Protein backbone atom coordinates (compact mmCIF):
# COMPACT_ATOMS: atom_id res chain seq x y z
CA MET A 1 91.04 56.50 58.53
CA ASP A 2 88.38 55.15 58.27
CA ASP A 3 85.46 53.76 55.69
CA ARG A 4 83.25 56.38 56.07
CA ARG A 5 86.48 59.05 55.79
CA ILE A 6 87.15 57.25 53.12
CA GLU A 7 83.36 57.21 51.46
CA LYS A 8 83.64 60.75 51.71
CA VAL A 9 86.53 61.13 50.46
CA MET A 10 85.13 59.28 47.40
CA GLU A 11 82.62 60.46 46.86
CA ARG A 12 84.13 63.89 46.43
CA ARG A 13 86.04 62.89 44.17
CA GLU A 14 83.45 61.53 42.03
CA ARG A 15 81.23 64.34 42.14
CA GLY A 16 83.99 66.38 40.04
CA TYR A 17 85.15 63.80 38.32
CA ILE A 18 81.21 63.72 36.78
CA TRP A 19 81.73 67.31 36.69
CA LEU A 20 84.42 67.30 34.82
CA GLU A 21 83.29 64.51 32.43
CA LYS A 22 80.42 66.58 31.36
CA GLU A 23 82.13 69.34 30.89
CA LEU A 24 83.93 67.07 28.17
CA ARG A 25 81.93 65.76 26.37
CA LEU A 26 80.24 69.12 26.20
CA SER A 27 83.60 70.97 24.61
CA LEU A 28 83.31 67.43 22.18
CA LEU A 29 79.95 68.08 21.50
CA ILE A 30 80.54 71.78 20.62
CA SER A 31 83.98 71.26 18.85
CA ALA A 32 83.13 68.46 16.72
CA GLY A 33 80.08 70.40 15.79
CA MET A 34 82.40 72.78 14.66
CA ILE A 35 84.35 70.21 12.50
CA LEU A 36 81.76 68.99 11.02
CA THR A 37 80.36 72.59 9.74
CA PHE A 38 82.77 72.79 8.35
CA PHE A 39 83.78 69.74 6.33
CA ALA A 40 80.19 69.86 5.38
CA VAL A 41 81.05 73.62 3.86
CA LEU A 42 83.86 72.07 2.62
CA TYR A 43 82.42 69.42 0.90
CA ILE A 44 79.89 72.15 -0.42
CA CYS A 45 82.16 73.86 -2.09
CA ASP A 46 83.81 71.73 -3.60
CA PRO A 47 82.19 67.37 -3.35
CA GLY A 48 85.80 65.96 -5.46
CA PHE A 49 88.07 67.08 -2.43
CA ARG A 50 90.62 64.43 -2.38
CA PHE A 51 91.34 62.47 0.91
CA PHE A 52 87.91 63.98 2.00
CA TRP A 53 86.82 61.76 4.99
CA GLN A 54 90.41 60.97 5.80
CA PHE A 55 90.94 64.88 7.39
CA LEU A 56 87.89 64.22 8.66
CA LEU A 57 87.88 61.66 10.51
CA ALA A 58 91.60 63.14 11.50
CA ALA A 59 90.02 66.52 13.09
CA LEU A 60 87.41 64.40 14.73
CA SER A 61 90.45 62.66 16.00
CA ALA A 62 93.06 64.78 16.72
CA ASP A 63 90.16 66.39 18.35
CA GLY A 64 89.04 63.50 20.96
CA ILE A 65 93.23 63.83 21.83
CA TRP A 66 93.10 67.23 22.63
CA GLN A 67 89.94 67.75 24.27
CA TYR A 68 90.78 64.45 26.71
CA VAL A 69 94.24 65.52 27.22
CA ARG A 70 93.03 68.77 28.57
CA TYR A 71 90.51 67.51 30.72
CA ARG A 72 92.84 65.19 31.81
CA LYS A 73 95.58 68.38 33.61
CA GLU A 74 91.81 70.03 34.52
CA TYR A 75 91.24 66.67 36.86
CA ARG A 76 94.69 66.74 37.88
CA ASN A 77 94.79 70.34 39.41
CA TYR A 78 90.66 69.29 40.59
CA VAL A 79 92.05 66.50 42.48
CA HIS A 80 95.11 68.95 43.50
CA ILE A 81 92.83 71.52 45.49
CA ALA A 82 90.52 68.81 46.44
CA ASP A 83 93.86 66.73 47.78
CA TYR A 84 94.22 70.30 50.08
CA LEU A 85 91.36 71.20 50.86
CA GLU A 86 91.79 67.69 53.02
CA GLN A 87 94.24 68.94 54.15
CA PHE A 88 92.59 72.12 55.20
CA GLU A 89 89.43 70.32 57.05
CA GLU A 90 92.28 68.11 58.89
CA GLY A 91 94.43 71.03 60.45
CA ASN A 92 96.75 71.25 57.93
CA TYR A 93 97.35 75.11 56.28
CA GLU A 94 100.70 74.69 54.76
CA TYR A 95 99.71 74.41 51.44
CA ARG A 96 101.79 73.58 48.26
CA THR A 97 101.59 73.75 44.48
CA GLU A 98 103.61 71.24 42.67
CA THR A 99 101.87 71.84 39.00
CA GLU A 100 103.02 74.62 37.22
CA TYR A 101 99.59 75.04 34.95
CA MET A 102 98.54 76.05 38.49
CA ARG A 103 100.52 79.05 37.89
CA THR A 104 98.93 80.21 34.64
CA GLY A 105 95.60 81.94 34.07
CA ILE A 106 93.03 82.19 36.39
CA ARG A 107 94.87 78.73 38.19
CA SER A 108 97.26 81.45 39.31
CA GLN A 109 94.79 83.21 41.08
CA ILE A 110 93.14 80.24 42.70
CA THR A 111 96.54 78.91 43.80
CA GLU A 112 98.02 82.46 45.96
CA GLN A 113 94.11 82.85 47.33
CA LEU A 114 94.64 78.95 48.91
CA GLU A 115 97.69 80.30 50.11
CA ARG A 116 97.10 83.59 51.43
CA MET A 117 93.81 81.42 53.37
CA GLY A 118 96.20 78.60 54.53
CA ASN A 119 98.11 81.37 55.12
CA ALA A 120 95.96 83.36 57.30
CA PHE A 121 94.36 79.67 59.09
CA GLY A 122 97.73 79.01 60.21
CA THR A 123 98.44 81.91 61.85
CA LEU A 124 95.09 82.18 63.85
CA LYS A 125 95.87 78.52 64.49
CA SER A 126 99.33 79.41 66.13
CA GLY A 127 97.79 82.38 67.96
CA LEU A 128 95.33 80.00 69.80
CA ILE A 129 97.72 77.42 70.76
CA GLU A 130 99.98 80.37 71.73
CA GLU A 131 96.91 81.60 73.95
CA LYS A 132 95.90 78.32 75.33
CA GLU A 133 99.70 78.04 76.60
CA ASN A 134 99.31 80.69 78.30
CA THR A 135 95.94 80.67 79.64
CA LYS A 136 97.26 77.23 81.29
CA THR A 137 100.15 78.62 82.92
CA LEU A 138 97.99 81.97 84.01
CA VAL A 139 96.31 79.97 85.96
CA THR A 140 98.55 77.91 87.76
CA ASP A 141 100.65 81.23 88.22
CA ILE A 142 97.60 82.10 89.93
CA SER A 143 96.74 79.28 91.96
CA HIS A 144 100.35 79.26 93.11
CA GLN A 145 100.15 83.41 93.81
CA LEU A 146 96.36 82.49 95.49
CA LYS A 147 97.85 79.18 97.52
CA THR A 148 99.90 80.97 100.50
CA PRO A 149 97.71 83.96 101.21
CA VAL A 150 94.40 81.88 101.69
CA ALA A 151 96.12 78.98 102.99
CA ALA A 152 96.99 81.46 105.52
CA LEU A 153 93.64 83.22 106.60
CA SER A 154 92.36 79.41 106.74
CA MET A 155 94.98 79.22 110.02
CA CYS A 156 93.74 81.53 110.96
CA PHE A 157 90.32 81.38 111.55
CA GLU A 158 90.98 77.44 112.47
CA LEU A 159 93.22 78.93 115.41
CA MET A 160 90.37 81.55 116.57
CA GLU A 161 87.91 79.02 116.69
CA ASP A 162 89.84 77.17 119.10
CA ALA A 163 88.35 78.10 122.20
CA ARG A 164 91.26 77.14 124.29
CA ILE A 165 93.72 80.34 123.47
CA THR A 166 93.54 83.79 125.37
CA ASP A 167 92.72 87.03 124.50
CA ALA A 168 95.49 88.30 122.93
CA GLU A 169 96.24 85.55 120.65
CA ARG A 170 92.70 86.03 119.24
CA ALA A 171 93.64 89.42 118.24
CA GLU A 172 97.41 88.34 117.12
CA PHE A 173 95.39 86.25 114.40
CA VAL A 174 92.79 89.35 113.36
CA ALA A 175 95.77 91.31 113.03
CA ARG A 176 97.56 87.98 110.81
CA GLY A 177 94.38 87.99 109.07
CA ALA A 178 93.90 91.54 108.16
CA GLY A 179 97.36 91.24 107.06
CA GLU A 180 96.64 88.61 104.07
CA ILE A 181 93.54 89.60 103.69
CA LYS A 182 95.19 92.62 102.48
CA LYS A 183 97.21 90.79 100.71
CA LEU A 184 94.57 89.32 98.57
CA LYS A 185 93.30 92.99 97.95
CA TYR A 186 96.96 94.39 96.20
CA LEU A 187 97.14 90.75 94.18
CA THR A 188 93.32 90.58 93.19
CA GLU A 189 94.48 94.37 91.66
CA THR A 190 97.47 93.27 89.94
CA LEU A 191 96.14 90.25 88.38
CA THR A 192 93.28 92.10 87.57
CA ASN A 193 95.69 94.78 85.60
CA LEU A 194 97.60 91.87 83.72
CA SER A 195 94.41 90.14 82.46
CA ARG A 196 93.20 92.81 81.37
CA MET A 197 96.17 94.04 79.74
CA GLU A 198 96.55 90.67 78.61
CA ALA A 199 93.17 90.65 76.66
CA GLY A 200 93.34 93.19 75.33
CA MET A 201 90.88 95.35 77.44
CA ILE A 202 93.59 97.97 78.43
CA GLN A 203 94.30 100.33 75.02
CA ILE A 204 97.51 102.53 75.62
CA HIS A 205 96.84 105.70 73.37
CA PRO A 206 100.48 107.90 72.58
CA GLY A 207 99.42 111.31 73.64
CA GLU A 208 101.14 114.23 73.24
CA ALA A 209 101.71 115.61 77.60
CA SER A 210 104.83 116.69 79.55
CA LEU A 211 107.20 113.95 80.88
CA LYS A 212 107.18 116.62 83.64
CA GLU A 213 103.87 116.12 84.48
CA THR A 214 103.85 112.21 84.06
CA LEU A 215 106.44 111.64 86.53
CA VAL A 216 105.56 113.97 88.97
CA ARG A 217 101.63 112.27 88.91
CA ALA A 218 103.95 108.52 89.31
CA VAL A 219 106.32 110.35 92.62
CA ASN A 220 102.88 111.53 94.26
CA GLY A 221 101.49 107.43 93.71
CA VAL A 222 104.16 106.78 96.26
CA TYR A 223 104.53 109.90 97.74
CA LEU A 224 103.44 108.18 101.44
CA LYS A 225 104.52 105.26 101.41
CA ALA A 226 108.45 106.39 100.94
CA ASN A 227 107.56 109.52 103.32
CA MET A 228 106.09 106.33 106.20
CA LYS A 229 110.06 104.73 105.05
CA LYS A 230 111.35 108.53 105.63
CA ILE A 231 112.80 107.80 102.27
CA GLU A 232 113.86 110.61 99.87
CA ILE A 233 112.68 111.00 96.25
CA GLU A 234 114.67 113.40 94.05
CA MET A 235 114.26 114.22 90.56
CA GLU A 236 117.21 115.96 88.91
CA ASP A 237 116.24 119.39 87.12
CA PHE A 238 115.76 118.53 83.75
CA LYS A 239 114.00 120.61 80.38
CA ASP A 240 110.49 119.54 80.56
CA MET A 241 109.02 118.33 77.07
CA MET A 242 106.40 117.03 74.68
CA LEU A 243 106.77 113.37 74.26
CA PRO A 244 103.96 110.97 72.77
CA HIS A 245 103.37 108.57 75.45
CA ASP A 246 100.06 107.50 77.28
CA LYS A 247 100.49 109.37 80.65
CA LYS A 248 98.08 107.19 82.67
CA TRP A 249 99.96 104.18 81.64
CA THR A 250 103.21 105.10 81.76
CA ALA A 251 102.45 107.30 84.68
CA GLU A 252 101.63 103.47 86.51
CA ALA A 253 104.70 102.29 85.18
CA PHE A 254 106.90 104.74 86.69
CA ALA A 255 105.08 104.39 89.77
CA ASN A 256 105.71 100.74 90.51
CA VAL A 257 109.21 101.26 89.34
CA LEU A 258 109.18 103.35 92.71
CA ASP A 259 106.94 100.98 94.82
CA ASN A 260 109.58 98.95 93.90
CA ALA A 261 112.82 101.26 94.94
CA VAL A 262 110.65 102.39 98.31
CA LYS A 263 109.65 98.80 99.27
CA TYR A 264 113.36 96.76 99.06
CA SER A 265 115.09 99.90 100.27
CA PRO A 266 116.25 101.16 103.89
CA GLU A 267 114.80 103.68 106.01
CA GLY A 268 116.39 107.11 105.47
CA THR A 269 117.61 106.84 101.99
CA THR A 270 117.20 108.09 99.37
CA VAL A 271 115.41 107.54 95.39
CA HIS A 272 117.03 109.14 92.41
CA ILE A 273 115.27 109.59 89.26
CA ARG A 274 117.43 111.44 86.50
CA VAL A 275 116.46 112.07 82.66
CA SER A 276 118.13 112.87 80.04
CA PRO A 277 117.24 113.50 76.54
CA GLN A 278 118.76 111.44 73.06
CA ILE A 279 118.65 111.93 69.52
CA SER A 280 115.40 109.69 69.16
CA TYR A 281 114.14 108.52 73.00
CA VAL A 282 114.52 110.01 76.21
CA PHE A 283 116.72 108.18 78.69
CA VAL A 284 114.55 107.87 82.51
CA GLU A 285 116.76 106.71 85.54
CA ILE A 286 115.23 105.60 88.82
CA GLU A 287 117.78 104.53 91.48
CA ASP A 288 117.32 103.22 94.06
CA GLU A 289 119.70 102.09 97.38
CA GLY A 290 118.24 99.10 98.71
CA ILE A 291 119.22 95.09 98.47
CA GLY A 292 119.97 95.08 95.06
CA ILE A 293 119.36 92.65 92.34
CA ALA A 294 121.26 88.61 92.02
CA LYS A 295 123.07 89.29 88.88
CA GLU A 296 121.74 86.19 87.80
CA GLU A 297 118.87 87.16 88.35
CA TYR A 298 118.65 90.19 85.47
CA GLN A 299 117.04 88.54 83.31
CA ASN A 300 114.46 87.50 84.96
CA ILE A 301 112.49 90.40 86.97
CA PHE A 302 110.87 91.39 84.30
CA ARG A 303 108.80 87.71 83.27
CA ARG A 304 105.41 87.91 84.66
CA PHE A 305 104.90 86.39 88.64
CA TYR A 306 108.51 86.07 88.99
CA ARG A 307 109.97 87.01 92.99
CA GLY A 308 113.44 86.50 94.09
CA SER A 309 113.95 83.91 96.15
CA ARG A 310 116.27 86.05 99.41
CA PRO A 311 114.39 86.28 102.14
CA GLU A 312 114.27 90.69 102.81
CA ILE A 313 111.73 90.13 99.12
CA GLU A 314 109.59 87.04 100.33
CA ALA A 315 108.87 88.92 103.53
CA CYS A 316 107.33 92.07 101.14
CA GLU A 317 104.12 92.00 100.33
CA GLY A 318 104.45 91.64 96.51
CA ALA A 319 102.40 89.23 93.19
CA GLY A 320 106.04 89.38 91.05
CA VAL A 321 104.05 91.08 88.37
CA GLY A 322 105.04 94.81 88.32
CA LEU A 323 107.60 94.94 86.92
CA TYR A 324 106.29 92.87 83.76
CA LEU A 325 103.63 95.18 83.76
CA VAL A 326 106.27 98.09 83.35
CA ARG A 327 107.73 96.53 80.62
CA GLN A 328 104.96 95.72 78.82
CA ILE A 329 103.55 99.59 78.76
CA LEU A 330 107.32 100.68 77.90
CA GLU A 331 107.64 97.90 75.03
CA GLU A 332 103.67 99.31 73.38
CA GLN A 333 104.89 102.68 73.28
CA GLY A 334 108.00 101.47 71.44
CA GLY A 335 110.32 102.44 75.11
CA SER A 336 112.07 100.02 76.61
CA ILE A 337 113.46 99.50 80.09
CA ARG A 338 116.27 97.38 82.03
CA ALA A 339 118.28 97.21 85.13
CA VAL A 340 121.94 97.39 86.20
CA ALA A 341 123.44 97.94 89.29
CA GLY A 342 123.60 100.67 91.17
CA LYS A 343 127.13 102.39 92.28
CA ALA A 344 125.88 102.10 95.80
CA GLY A 345 124.86 99.02 96.22
CA GLY A 346 121.08 99.80 94.91
CA THR A 347 119.67 98.93 91.71
CA VAL A 348 119.38 101.07 88.58
CA PHE A 349 116.83 100.87 86.39
CA GLN A 350 117.11 102.49 82.63
CA MET A 351 113.85 103.05 80.31
CA THR A 352 113.52 104.78 77.82
CA LEU A 353 110.37 106.63 75.88
CA PRO A 354 110.33 107.11 71.93
CA LYS A 355 110.54 110.88 70.76
CA LYS A 356 108.09 110.29 67.59
CA SER A 357 105.08 108.41 68.10
CA TYR A 358 105.45 104.71 67.16
CA VAL A 359 103.53 102.49 65.45
CA GLN A 360 103.16 98.70 66.34
CA GLU A 361 103.84 96.42 63.78
């Protein structure tokens, strides 16, 4: 602690000491006046009162001692609060009451308010630290995701500037560049949704809506891509029900799972959708006949920007945030998602949605 800091602390304590000293003098003056008035009346009523002066001096002395002891307690509590406020200023928000006197009367209210204030600011500090770390991680991840397509585009344009390449080679580089631009567009759209979700700009507003309509909306979103690969999407018949969910974002979540199923499944296969009502929630399964997921990767696939290392996965476009968004959307509504191995070698994504409105704590 530098000299300026020490001087600042001393000035604060000195101001508190002087203020309490003035209060002590005022209390002494009032109490001494009351004692003198009492003994003056006593003297007028009985001038011959034995040991009058001894009692008067004893009363004044006892009052002075009592006022001083009370003042010292007040001063110790003042110093205790001042110490905490100094710690608070330095970023330490954990408040501990060491004096029992601080837990009585108005001081108990002061103690409670300080504890609440410390807890509130401590939570705020932890949140800011976590947000800072998340932002750093997000920037690093985005930079990593953008590096590959940007480098590929740069190489394509450099090669096209070479006068020695043929028209066929130039056309090939243009096609590759167009493909990389398409990847960048997909990536930026996905990252925009991700950043808006994490910043709280995307609000989930559950309302009573048809589960079947939400699933059909999701299927329509991937129908063209499935049709190009001759992949059928079969939804087993079930009795429609009204569920409290955000139909737009829940359909987006289902569509992301379906998109993965189509993307990593060979041509001519089938994606199955099954719905099973339970007591307090609805069970939605999406099963594909695709390449499957390695057992050791099941715990990682819902992490942000995670993609498997298999060649089939690296060959497909993607940013590794689709399943992360699915988890976020479902959990915001009290639901959940997990992946298990399918009987035909593909993957089964098991999702749940509550039957009653979910209120987040």
